[in-house]
Amino acid sequence: MSFSQSRICKGCWEQMRLPVPLRGPASIPFRAFGIRPSRMNPNTCTICELMFTRVMKARKITVDVSVLFADLRGYTTLSQSLSADTVSSLLDDFYDECATAIWEFDGLLNKTVGDAIMAIFNFPIPHQDHAERAVLAAREIQRRCQLRRELHVAEGAGLDGSELGVGIGIDSGEASFGEFGRSHRDLTAIGTVVNTAARAQSVAEAGRILVTSAVCERAQSQTAESKGREYHLKGFEKPIELYAI
């Protein structure tokens, strides 16, 4: 599967059956009113980002999603030994590779925070197999980042090949999605599923993908060979079983 650009907004079509043009001559009048491809996924539009308050007349909704967190390991250490331009380039590459992998499977690149990203699958573009798509996106992130790392080593960027691995965590379940905050509104998802995915990522070693039992149950074709073990995650009273895939 490769990322292809849609001519209409997939989110508006799937959620409201509105054929909002994103590209081509038909999109020009829409752009005059600020309706253009979203930065979170270029196959969705800015209407998707406003649908809660202006279309659904609600500040947030409950959705069944898969949430993926990915973190670039070793970035802080490298930032102390490499030039600012080199470090900035490495981070840009990480963001670009993550975005492409996530968009290939219709995910939403919801946040970029420091050397980590957060992605959401199943909203606003719905797919019943969203857990499987999140797993496939995670594997594609690992593949792409590995190739980038090898390229940087070959170019003599000051890396020996052991740095800049990626740790990934994924969970599936219900989350609240919408605009949160008063002084600064943030369009994102919140809930236990988000917290669990973030904590799973925090304990995933470089090059490792850790998923919850919920993901394993929903994406059995991708997780059949995985083995689980209990982890004590920050903020959780009881151990959480995570599976390396």
Protein backbone atom coordinates (compact mmCIF):
# COMPACT_ATOMS: atom_id res chain seq x y z
CA MET A 1 0.00 0.00 0.00
CA SER A 2 1.29 3.48 -0.86
CA PHE A 3 -0.01 6.92 0.07
CA SER A 4 -2.16 8.45 -2.66
CA GLN A 5 -3.81 11.86 -2.65
CA SER A 6 -7.60 11.91 -2.76
CA ARG A 7 -9.46 14.50 -4.84
CA ILE A 8 -12.18 14.88 -2.21
CA CYS A 9 -12.02 14.91 1.59
CA LYS A 10 -12.30 11.32 2.84
CA GLY A 11 -13.40 12.50 6.29
CA CYS A 12 -16.30 14.66 5.09
CA TRP A 13 -17.42 11.97 2.66
CA GLU A 14 -17.36 9.14 5.21
CA GLN A 15 -18.82 11.15 8.09
CA MET A 16 -21.36 13.37 6.31
CA ARG A 17 -21.42 12.26 2.64
CA LEU A 18 -20.22 15.73 1.60
CA PRO A 19 -17.96 15.68 -1.52
CA VAL A 20 -15.61 18.49 -0.47
CA PRO A 21 -12.95 18.92 -3.19
CA LEU A 22 -9.35 19.04 -2.00
CA ARG A 23 -7.51 19.29 -5.32
CA GLY A 24 -8.11 20.44 -8.86
CA PRO A 25 -10.10 23.41 -10.22
CA ALA A 26 -13.18 22.55 -8.16
CA SER A 27 -11.22 23.15 -4.94
CA ILE A 28 -10.36 26.79 -5.76
CA PRO A 29 -13.65 28.34 -4.49
CA PHE A 30 -13.39 26.28 -1.29
CA ARG A 31 -9.84 27.49 -0.63
CA ALA A 32 -11.10 31.07 -0.85
CA PHE A 33 -13.15 30.27 2.28
CA GLY A 34 -10.21 28.63 4.07
CA ILE A 35 -11.22 25.04 3.27
CA ARG A 36 -8.02 23.20 2.35
CA PRO A 37 -6.19 19.92 3.11
CA SER A 38 -5.55 19.34 6.81
CA ARG A 39 -2.02 19.17 8.15
CA MET A 40 -3.05 16.12 10.19
CA ASN A 41 -3.89 14.16 7.03
CA PRO A 42 -3.86 15.75 3.55
CA ASN A 43 -6.78 13.52 2.51
CA THR A 44 -9.01 15.27 5.06
CA CYS A 45 -9.86 18.96 5.21
CA THR A 46 -10.19 21.84 7.65
CA ILE A 47 -13.95 21.22 7.85
CA CYS A 48 -13.13 17.95 9.63
CA GLU A 49 -11.21 19.97 12.21
CA LEU A 50 -14.22 22.23 12.83
CA MET A 51 -17.05 19.71 12.54
CA PHE A 52 -17.47 19.41 16.30
CA THR A 53 -18.48 22.99 17.06
CA ARG A 54 -19.95 24.00 13.69
CA VAL A 55 -21.40 20.82 12.24
CA MET A 56 -22.07 18.40 15.09
CA LYS A 57 -22.86 21.21 17.52
CA ALA A 58 -20.83 19.37 20.14
CA ARG A 59 -17.49 20.09 21.74
CA LYS A 60 -16.46 16.47 21.79
CA ILE A 61 -17.71 13.01 20.79
CA THR A 62 -16.92 9.45 21.88
CA VAL A 63 -15.22 7.35 19.22
CA ASP A 64 -13.72 3.88 18.98
CA VAL A 65 -10.12 4.37 17.87
CA SER A 66 -6.63 2.97 17.81
CA VAL A 67 -3.98 5.32 19.17
CA LEU A 68 -0.29 5.09 18.24
CA PHE A 69 2.62 6.84 19.95
CA ALA A 70 6.13 6.77 18.48
CA ASP A 71 9.25 8.23 20.07
CA LEU A 72 12.69 8.84 18.57
CA ARG A 73 15.20 7.28 20.95
CA GLY A 74 18.59 8.90 21.49
CA TYR A 75 17.56 12.28 20.12
CA THR A 76 18.31 14.24 23.31
CA THR A 77 21.79 12.74 23.60
CA LEU A 78 22.60 13.44 19.95
CA SER A 79 21.42 17.04 20.27
CA GLN A 80 24.36 17.63 22.62
CA SER A 81 26.99 16.34 20.19
CA LEU A 82 25.73 17.28 16.72
CA SER A 83 25.14 20.67 15.12
CA ALA A 84 21.72 22.29 15.45
CA ASP A 85 21.13 21.97 11.68
CA THR A 86 21.92 18.25 11.72
CA VAL A 87 19.68 17.59 14.70
CA SER A 88 16.85 19.59 13.14
CA SER A 89 17.21 17.61 9.91
CA LEU A 90 17.05 14.29 11.79
CA LEU A 91 13.85 15.35 13.55
CA ASP A 92 12.29 16.57 10.30
CA ASP A 93 13.08 13.20 8.71
CA PHE A 94 11.45 11.39 11.64
CA TYR A 95 8.28 13.48 11.35
CA ASP A 96 8.14 13.02 7.57
CA GLU A 97 8.57 9.25 7.68
CA CYS A 98 5.97 8.89 10.46
CA ALA A 99 3.48 11.08 8.59
CA THR A 100 3.81 9.16 5.34
CA ALA A 101 3.40 5.80 7.09
CA ILE A 102 0.37 6.99 9.06
CA TRP A 103 -1.34 8.56 6.04
CA GLU A 104 -0.83 5.39 3.98
CA PHE A 105 -3.27 3.68 6.35
CA ASP A 106 -5.71 6.63 6.68
CA GLY A 107 -4.50 7.63 10.14
CA LEU A 108 -4.46 11.14 11.57
CA LEU A 109 -1.11 12.60 12.64
CA ASN A 110 -2.63 14.37 15.61
CA LYS A 111 0.43 15.66 17.49
CA THR A 112 4.16 16.20 17.19
CA VAL A 113 5.68 16.86 20.61
CA GLY A 114 9.44 17.17 20.82
CA ASP A 115 10.83 13.87 19.52
CA ALA A 116 7.49 12.01 19.66
CA ILE A 117 4.29 11.78 17.62
CA MET A 118 0.70 10.73 18.34
CA ALA A 119 -1.58 9.25 15.68
CA ILE A 120 -5.25 8.28 15.66
CA PHE A 121 -6.92 5.66 13.45
CA ASN A 122 -10.66 5.38 12.68
CA PHE A 123 -11.48 9.08 12.84
CA PRO A 124 -12.41 11.06 10.83
CA ILE A 125 -11.82 8.33 8.20
CA PRO A 126 -13.55 5.20 9.59
CA HIS A 127 -12.24 1.68 9.07
CA GLN A 128 -13.40 -1.42 10.94
CA ASP A 129 -9.86 -2.78 10.76
CA HIS A 130 -8.33 0.32 12.38
CA ALA A 131 -6.29 -1.69 14.89
CA GLU A 132 -4.69 -3.64 12.06
CA ARG A 133 -4.02 -0.40 10.20
CA ALA A 134 -2.30 1.05 13.26
CA VAL A 135 -0.06 -2.02 13.50
CA LEU A 136 0.79 -1.86 9.80
CA ALA A 137 1.56 1.85 10.11
CA ALA A 138 3.84 1.13 13.09
CA ARG A 139 5.77 -1.45 11.09
CA GLU A 140 6.05 0.97 8.19
CA ILE A 141 7.39 3.65 10.55
CA GLN A 142 10.06 1.24 11.75
CA ARG A 143 10.97 0.26 8.20
CA ARG A 144 11.17 3.84 6.95
CA CYS A 145 13.14 5.11 9.93
CA GLN A 146 15.61 2.24 9.64
CA LEU A 147 16.25 3.12 5.99
CA ARG A 148 16.69 6.80 6.90
CA ARG A 149 19.12 5.89 9.65
CA GLU A 150 21.20 3.77 7.27
CA LEU A 151 21.24 6.65 4.78
CA HIS A 152 22.47 9.11 7.42
CA VAL A 153 25.22 6.69 8.46
CA ALA A 154 26.30 6.27 4.84
CA GLU A 155 26.40 10.05 4.40
CA GLY A 156 28.63 10.47 7.45
CA ALA A 157 26.16 12.42 9.58
CA GLY A 158 28.05 11.55 12.77
CA LEU A 159 25.99 8.43 13.54
CA ASP A 160 27.29 4.89 14.02
CA GLY A 161 23.98 3.18 13.29
CA SER A 162 22.95 2.42 16.87
CA GLU A 163 21.23 5.75 17.50
CA LEU A 164 17.81 7.02 16.58
CA GLY A 165 15.80 3.83 17.02
CA VAL A 166 12.05 4.22 17.39
CA GLY A 167 9.87 2.90 20.23
CA ILE A 168 6.14 2.51 19.50
CA GLY A 169 3.07 1.80 21.64
CA ILE A 170 -0.52 1.12 20.45
CA ASP A 171 -3.87 0.67 22.21
CA SER A 172 -7.47 0.41 20.96
CA GLY A 173 -10.70 1.45 22.63
CA GLU A 174 -13.06 4.35 23.25
CA ALA A 175 -11.73 7.89 23.53
CA SER A 176 -13.19 11.39 23.68
CA PHE A 177 -12.26 13.34 20.57
CA GLY A 178 -12.82 17.04 20.19
CA GLU A 179 -11.59 20.47 21.26
CA PHE A 180 -10.20 20.68 24.77
CA GLY A 181 -8.98 23.69 26.75
CA ARG A 182 -10.18 27.25 27.19
CA SER A 183 -7.31 29.68 26.69
CA HIS A 184 -5.74 27.35 24.11
CA ARG A 185 -8.05 24.92 22.31
CA ASP A 186 -6.52 21.66 21.23
CA LEU A 187 -8.14 19.22 18.79
CA THR A 188 -7.19 15.79 20.09
CA ALA A 189 -8.31 12.58 21.80
CA ILE A 190 -8.20 11.91 25.53
CA GLY A 191 -8.93 8.89 27.69
CA THR A 192 -7.43 5.71 29.08
CA VAL A 193 -6.69 4.36 25.60
CA VAL A 194 -4.49 7.38 24.92
CA ASN A 195 -2.69 7.10 28.25
CA THR A 196 -2.07 3.38 27.80
CA ALA A 197 -0.63 3.80 24.30
CA ALA A 198 1.66 6.57 25.55
CA ARG A 199 2.91 4.47 28.48
CA ALA A 200 3.41 1.44 26.25
CA GLN A 201 5.58 3.56 24.00
CA SER A 202 7.61 4.76 26.98
CA VAL A 203 8.70 1.19 27.83
CA ALA A 204 9.20 0.02 24.23
CA GLU A 205 12.86 -0.43 23.39
CA ALA A 206 14.31 1.06 20.23
CA GLY A 207 13.05 -0.89 17.24
CA ARG A 208 10.22 -2.44 19.28
CA ILE A 209 6.42 -2.17 18.90
CA LEU A 210 4.35 -2.91 22.01
CA VAL A 211 0.57 -3.33 21.78
CA THR A 212 -2.17 -4.08 24.29
CA SER A 213 -4.39 -7.17 24.44
CA ALA A 214 -7.18 -5.09 22.85
CA VAL A 215 -5.02 -4.55 19.78
CA CYS A 216 -4.07 -8.22 19.65
CA GLU A 217 -7.72 -9.27 19.72
CA ARG A 218 -8.68 -6.87 16.94
CA ALA A 219 -5.66 -7.40 14.71
CA GLN A 220 -5.09 -11.13 15.07
CA SER A 221 -3.76 -11.50 11.52
CA GLN A 222 -0.89 -9.18 12.46
CA THR A 223 -0.28 -10.25 16.06
CA ALA A 224 -0.75 -14.06 16.02
CA GLU A 225 2.89 -14.79 16.84
CA SER A 226 3.27 -12.14 19.54
CA LYS A 227 4.11 -12.98 23.14
CA GLY A 228 2.90 -10.95 26.09
CA ARG A 229 4.43 -9.98 29.40
CA GLU A 230 3.30 -7.74 32.23
CA TYR A 231 4.65 -4.22 32.57
CA HIS A 232 4.31 -1.82 35.47
CA LEU A 233 3.34 1.39 33.73
CA LYS A 234 3.46 4.81 35.34
CA GLY A 235 0.01 5.94 36.48
CA PHE A 236 -1.51 2.43 36.46
CA GLU A 237 -2.07 0.59 39.74
CA LYS A 238 -2.07 -2.89 38.20
CA PRO A 239 0.41 -4.36 35.70
CA ILE A 240 -0.61 -4.11 32.03
CA GLU A 241 0.05 -6.98 29.65
CA LEU A 242 1.79 -5.80 26.49
CA TYR A 243 2.73 -7.78 23.41
CA ALA A 244 5.85 -7.30 21.30
CA ILE A 245 5.09 -7.63 17.60
